[in-house]
Amino acid sequence: MNIKVVRKVFTDESTIGELSMNGEFFCYTLEDVIRTGAKVYGKTAIPKGKYEVIINYSNKFKQLMPLLLSVPNFEGIRIHIGNKSEDSHGCLLLGEVKGVNFIGQSKVAYGKFMAKLKTAGKSEKIFIEIV
């Protein structure tokens, strides 16, 4: 499965994008601010690139969740529920609707996303490209 995040809206507080799965729009994303200089722990967007995604147990969230592998200078980058950059902590948030520095209906988007990932993960590798 190929997932792609195209970043569209850049503010001083967040980065909002559109996520597609196998070329088809799926939901909106929210990340922290893109920083070209030094990374700020828990407040910096994921670097552009292509990463393998696995589903494994998160000790922090106490459940199975998507994890991005081999992200340069980052550890524990997950895809999860949240609405604002304060919820991100450097991770990728999903939502059905978007606003200014906000995405909504995150639980709905995440639930649908996890269902698709679990199905795909049984028969193929999962990759996410962030552009």
C-alpha atoms as a PDB file:
ATOM      1  CA  MET A   1       0.000   0.000   0.000  1.00  0.00           C
ATOM      2  CA  ASN A   2       1.220   3.475  -0.841  1.00  0.00           C
ATOM      3  CA  ILE A   3       0.179   6.426   1.293  1.00  0.00           C
ATOM      4  CA  LYS A   4       1.033   9.966   0.263  1.00  0.00           C
ATOM      5  CA  VAL A   5       0.813  13.192   2.262  1.00  0.00           C
ATOM      6  CA  VAL A   6       0.882  16.391   0.238  1.00  0.00           C
ATOM      7  CA  ARG A   7       1.377  19.400   2.470  1.00  0.00           C
ATOM      8  CA  LYS A   8      -0.897  22.281   1.443  1.00  0.00           C
ATOM      9  CA  VAL A   9      -1.295  24.892   4.208  1.00  0.00           C
ATOM     10  CA  PHE A  10       1.643  26.299   6.173  1.00  0.00           C
ATOM     11  CA  THR A  11       1.244  28.606   9.184  1.00  0.00           C
ATOM     12  CA  ASP A  12       3.329  29.602  12.193  1.00  0.00           C
ATOM     13  CA  GLU A  13       1.433  26.980  14.223  1.00  0.00           C
ATOM     14  CA  SER A  14       0.895  23.967  11.973  1.00  0.00           C
ATOM     15  CA  THR A  15       1.173  22.231   8.609  1.00  0.00           C
ATOM     16  CA  ILE A  16      -2.017  20.847   7.045  1.00  0.00           C
ATOM     17  CA  GLY A  17      -1.982  18.363   4.192  1.00  0.00           C
ATOM     18  CA  GLU A  18      -4.034  15.858   2.257  1.00  0.00           C
ATOM     19  CA  LEU A  19      -3.495  12.127   2.638  1.00  0.00           C
ATOM     20  CA  SER A  20      -4.202   9.720  -0.194  1.00  0.00           C
ATOM     21  CA  MET A  21      -4.134   5.939  -0.173  1.00  0.00           C
ATOM     22  CA  ASN A  22      -3.153   4.235  -3.425  1.00  0.00           C
ATOM     23  CA  GLY A  23      -3.784   7.520  -5.265  1.00  0.00           C
ATOM     24  CA  GLU A  24      -7.237   8.245  -3.806  1.00  0.00           C
ATOM     25  CA  PHE A  25      -7.933  11.115  -1.365  1.00  0.00           C
ATOM     26  CA  PHE A  26      -8.623   9.759   2.108  1.00  0.00           C
ATOM     27  CA  CYS A  27      -8.409  12.524   4.745  1.00  0.00           C
ATOM     28  CA  TYR A  28      -6.625  15.633   5.981  1.00  0.00           C
ATOM     29  CA  THR A  29      -3.454  15.666   8.054  1.00  0.00           C
ATOM     30  CA  LEU A  30      -2.013  18.041  10.610  1.00  0.00           C
ATOM     31  CA  GLU A  31       1.606  18.220  11.681  1.00  0.00           C
ATOM     32  CA  ASP A  32       3.812  20.608  13.548  1.00  0.00           C
ATOM     33  CA  VAL A  33       5.643  23.435  11.790  1.00  0.00           C
ATOM     34  CA  ILE A  34       8.259  22.593   9.159  1.00  0.00           C
ATOM     35  CA  ARG A  35      11.648  23.727  10.449  1.00  0.00           C
ATOM     36  CA  THR A  36      14.580  24.026   8.073  1.00  0.00           C
ATOM     37  CA  GLY A  37      17.077  24.761  10.826  1.00  0.00           C
ATOM     38  CA  ALA A  38      17.436  22.873  14.062  1.00  0.00           C
ATOM     39  CA  LYS A  39      14.769  20.365  15.007  1.00  0.00           C
ATOM     40  CA  VAL A  40      12.719  21.282  18.068  1.00  0.00           C
ATOM     41  CA  TYR A  41      11.770  18.144  20.007  1.00  0.00           C
ATOM     42  CA  GLY A  42       8.029  17.437  19.743  1.00  0.00           C
ATOM     43  CA  LYS A  43       7.393  20.588  17.674  1.00  0.00           C
ATOM     44  CA  THR A  44       8.858  19.834  14.253  1.00  0.00           C
ATOM     45  CA  ALA A  45       7.135  18.294  11.217  1.00  0.00           C
ATOM     46  CA  ILE A  46       8.342  14.981   9.813  1.00  0.00           C
ATOM     47  CA  PRO A  47      11.079  15.435   7.167  1.00  0.00           C
ATOM     48  CA  LYS A  48      10.030  14.962   3.538  1.00  0.00           C
ATOM     49  CA  GLY A  49      10.719  11.449   2.375  1.00  0.00           C
ATOM     50  CA  LYS A  50       9.399   7.934   1.966  1.00  0.00           C
ATOM     51  CA  TYR A  51       9.127   5.698   5.015  1.00  0.00           C
ATOM     52  CA  GLU A  52       7.954   2.189   5.723  1.00  0.00           C
ATOM     53  CA  VAL A  53       4.988   2.001   8.118  1.00  0.00           C
ATOM     54  CA  ILE A  54       4.397  -0.863  10.519  1.00  0.00           C
ATOM     55  CA  ILE A  55       1.674  -1.430  13.062  1.00  0.00           C
ATOM     56  CA  ASN A  56       3.025  -2.192  16.507  1.00  0.00           C
ATOM     57  CA  TYR A  57       2.197  -1.671  20.161  1.00  0.00           C
ATOM     58  CA  SER A  58       2.683   1.830  21.565  1.00  0.00           C
ATOM     59  CA  ASN A  59       3.620   1.863  25.246  1.00  0.00           C
ATOM     60  CA  LYS A  60       2.579   5.530  25.416  1.00  0.00           C
ATOM     61  CA  PHE A  61      -0.905   5.039  23.924  1.00  0.00           C
ATOM     62  CA  LYS A  62      -1.362   1.426  25.149  1.00  0.00           C
ATOM     63  CA  GLN A  63      -2.624   0.127  21.802  1.00  0.00           C
ATOM     64  CA  LEU A  64      -1.547  -1.003  18.327  1.00  0.00           C
ATOM     65  CA  MET A  65      -0.695   2.012  16.162  1.00  0.00           C
ATOM     66  CA  PRO A  66       1.111   2.914  12.913  1.00  0.00           C
ATOM     67  CA  LEU A  67       4.822   3.693  13.329  1.00  0.00           C
ATOM     68  CA  LEU A  68       7.041   5.318  10.688  1.00  0.00           C
ATOM     69  CA  LEU A  69      10.428   3.603  10.403  1.00  0.00           C
ATOM     70  CA  SER A  70      13.860   5.163   9.849  1.00  0.00           C
ATOM     71  CA  VAL A  71      12.843   8.837  10.044  1.00  0.00           C
ATOM     72  CA  PRO A  72      16.131  10.802  10.196  1.00  0.00           C
ATOM     73  CA  ASN A  73      16.738  12.391  13.636  1.00  0.00           C
ATOM     74  CA  PHE A  74      13.299  11.269  14.891  1.00  0.00           C
ATOM     75  CA  GLU A  75      12.130   8.315  16.991  1.00  0.00           C
ATOM     76  CA  GLY A  76       8.658   7.017  17.733  1.00  0.00           C
ATOM     77  CA  ILE A  77       6.853   8.879  14.949  1.00  0.00           C
ATOM     78  CA  ARG A  78       3.262   7.656  14.910  1.00  0.00           C
ATOM     79  CA  ILE A  79       0.029   8.385  13.076  1.00  0.00           C
ATOM     80  CA  HIS A  80      -2.705   9.093  15.609  1.00  0.00           C
ATOM     81  CA  ILE A  81      -5.766  11.027  16.766  1.00  0.00           C
ATOM     82  CA  GLY A  82      -5.601  14.758  17.482  1.00  0.00           C
ATOM     83  CA  ASN A  83      -6.894  18.136  16.398  1.00  0.00           C
ATOM     84  CA  LYS A  84      -4.151  20.751  16.872  1.00  0.00           C
ATOM     85  CA  SER A  85      -0.366  20.956  16.708  1.00  0.00           C
ATOM     86  CA  GLU A  86      -0.213  20.646  20.508  1.00  0.00           C
ATOM     87  CA  ASP A  87      -1.616  17.117  20.061  1.00  0.00           C
ATOM     88  CA  SER A  88       0.995  16.142  17.485  1.00  0.00           C
ATOM     89  CA  HIS A  89       4.302  16.003  19.388  1.00  0.00           C
ATOM     90  CA  GLY A  90       6.052  15.576  16.018  1.00  0.00           C
ATOM     91  CA  CYS A  91       3.613  12.934  14.766  1.00  0.00           C
ATOM     92  CA  LEU A  92       0.994  12.926  11.999  1.00  0.00           C
ATOM     93  CA  LEU A  93      -2.648  13.551  12.925  1.00  0.00           C
ATOM     94  CA  LEU A  94      -5.658  12.569  10.780  1.00  0.00           C
ATOM     95  CA  GLY A  95      -9.023  14.304  10.352  1.00  0.00           C
ATOM     96  CA  GLU A  96     -12.142  14.307   8.202  1.00  0.00           C
ATOM     97  CA  VAL A  97     -12.465  18.126   8.135  1.00  0.00           C
ATOM     98  CA  LYS A  98     -10.000  21.010   8.325  1.00  0.00           C
ATOM     99  CA  GLY A  99      -9.937  24.565   9.591  1.00  0.00           C
ATOM    100  CA  VAL A 100      -7.258  27.089  10.488  1.00  0.00           C
ATOM    101  CA  ASN A 101      -4.575  25.225  12.470  1.00  0.00           C
ATOM    102  CA  PHE A 102      -7.189  22.529  13.183  1.00  0.00           C
ATOM    103  CA  ILE A 103      -8.523  19.224  11.873  1.00  0.00           C
ATOM    104  CA  GLY A 104     -11.721  17.621  13.129  1.00  0.00           C
ATOM    105  CA  GLN A 105     -13.442  14.255  13.298  1.00  0.00           C
ATOM    106  CA  SER A 106     -10.056  12.739  13.991  1.00  0.00           C
ATOM    107  CA  LYS A 107     -11.357   9.589  15.709  1.00  0.00           C
ATOM    108  CA  VAL A 108     -13.518   8.797  12.674  1.00  0.00           C
ATOM    109  CA  ALA A 109     -10.655   9.311  10.199  1.00  0.00           C
ATOM    110  CA  TYR A 110      -8.220   7.331  12.331  1.00  0.00           C
ATOM    111  CA  GLY A 111     -10.635   4.411  12.740  1.00  0.00           C
ATOM    112  CA  LYS A 112     -11.155   4.123   8.987  1.00  0.00           C
ATOM    113  CA  PHE A 113      -7.411   4.506   8.383  1.00  0.00           C
ATOM    114  CA  MET A 114      -6.484   1.737  10.834  1.00  0.00           C
ATOM    115  CA  ALA A 115      -9.020  -0.630   9.275  1.00  0.00           C
ATOM    116  CA  LYS A 116      -7.431  -0.134   5.851  1.00  0.00           C
ATOM    117  CA  LEU A 117      -3.893  -0.499   7.222  1.00  0.00           C
ATOM    118  CA  LYS A 118      -4.673  -3.716   9.073  1.00  0.00           C
ATOM    119  CA  THR A 119      -6.173  -5.243   5.936  1.00  0.00           C
ATOM    120  CA  ALA A 120      -3.296  -4.134   3.702  1.00  0.00           C
ATOM    121  CA  GLY A 121      -0.651  -5.164   6.220  1.00  0.00           C
ATOM    122  CA  LYS A 122      -1.722  -8.802   5.984  1.00  0.00           C
ATOM    123  CA  SER A 123      -0.577  -9.075   2.366  1.00  0.00           C
ATOM    124  CA  GLU A 124       1.773  -6.181   1.538  1.00  0.00           C
ATOM    125  CA  LYS A 125       4.239  -3.667   2.900  1.00  0.00           C
ATOM    126  CA  ILE A 126       2.972  -0.183   3.690  1.00  0.00           C
ATOM    127  CA  PHE A 127       4.864   2.964   2.745  1.00  0.00           C
ATOM    128  CA  ILE A 128       4.148   6.636   3.347  1.00  0.00           C
ATOM    129  CA  GLU A 129       5.635   9.438   1.238  1.00  0.00           C
ATOM    130  CA  ILE A 130       5.605  12.958   2.620  1.00  0.00           C
ATOM    131  CA  VAL A 131       6.014  15.751   0.052  1.00  0.00           C
END
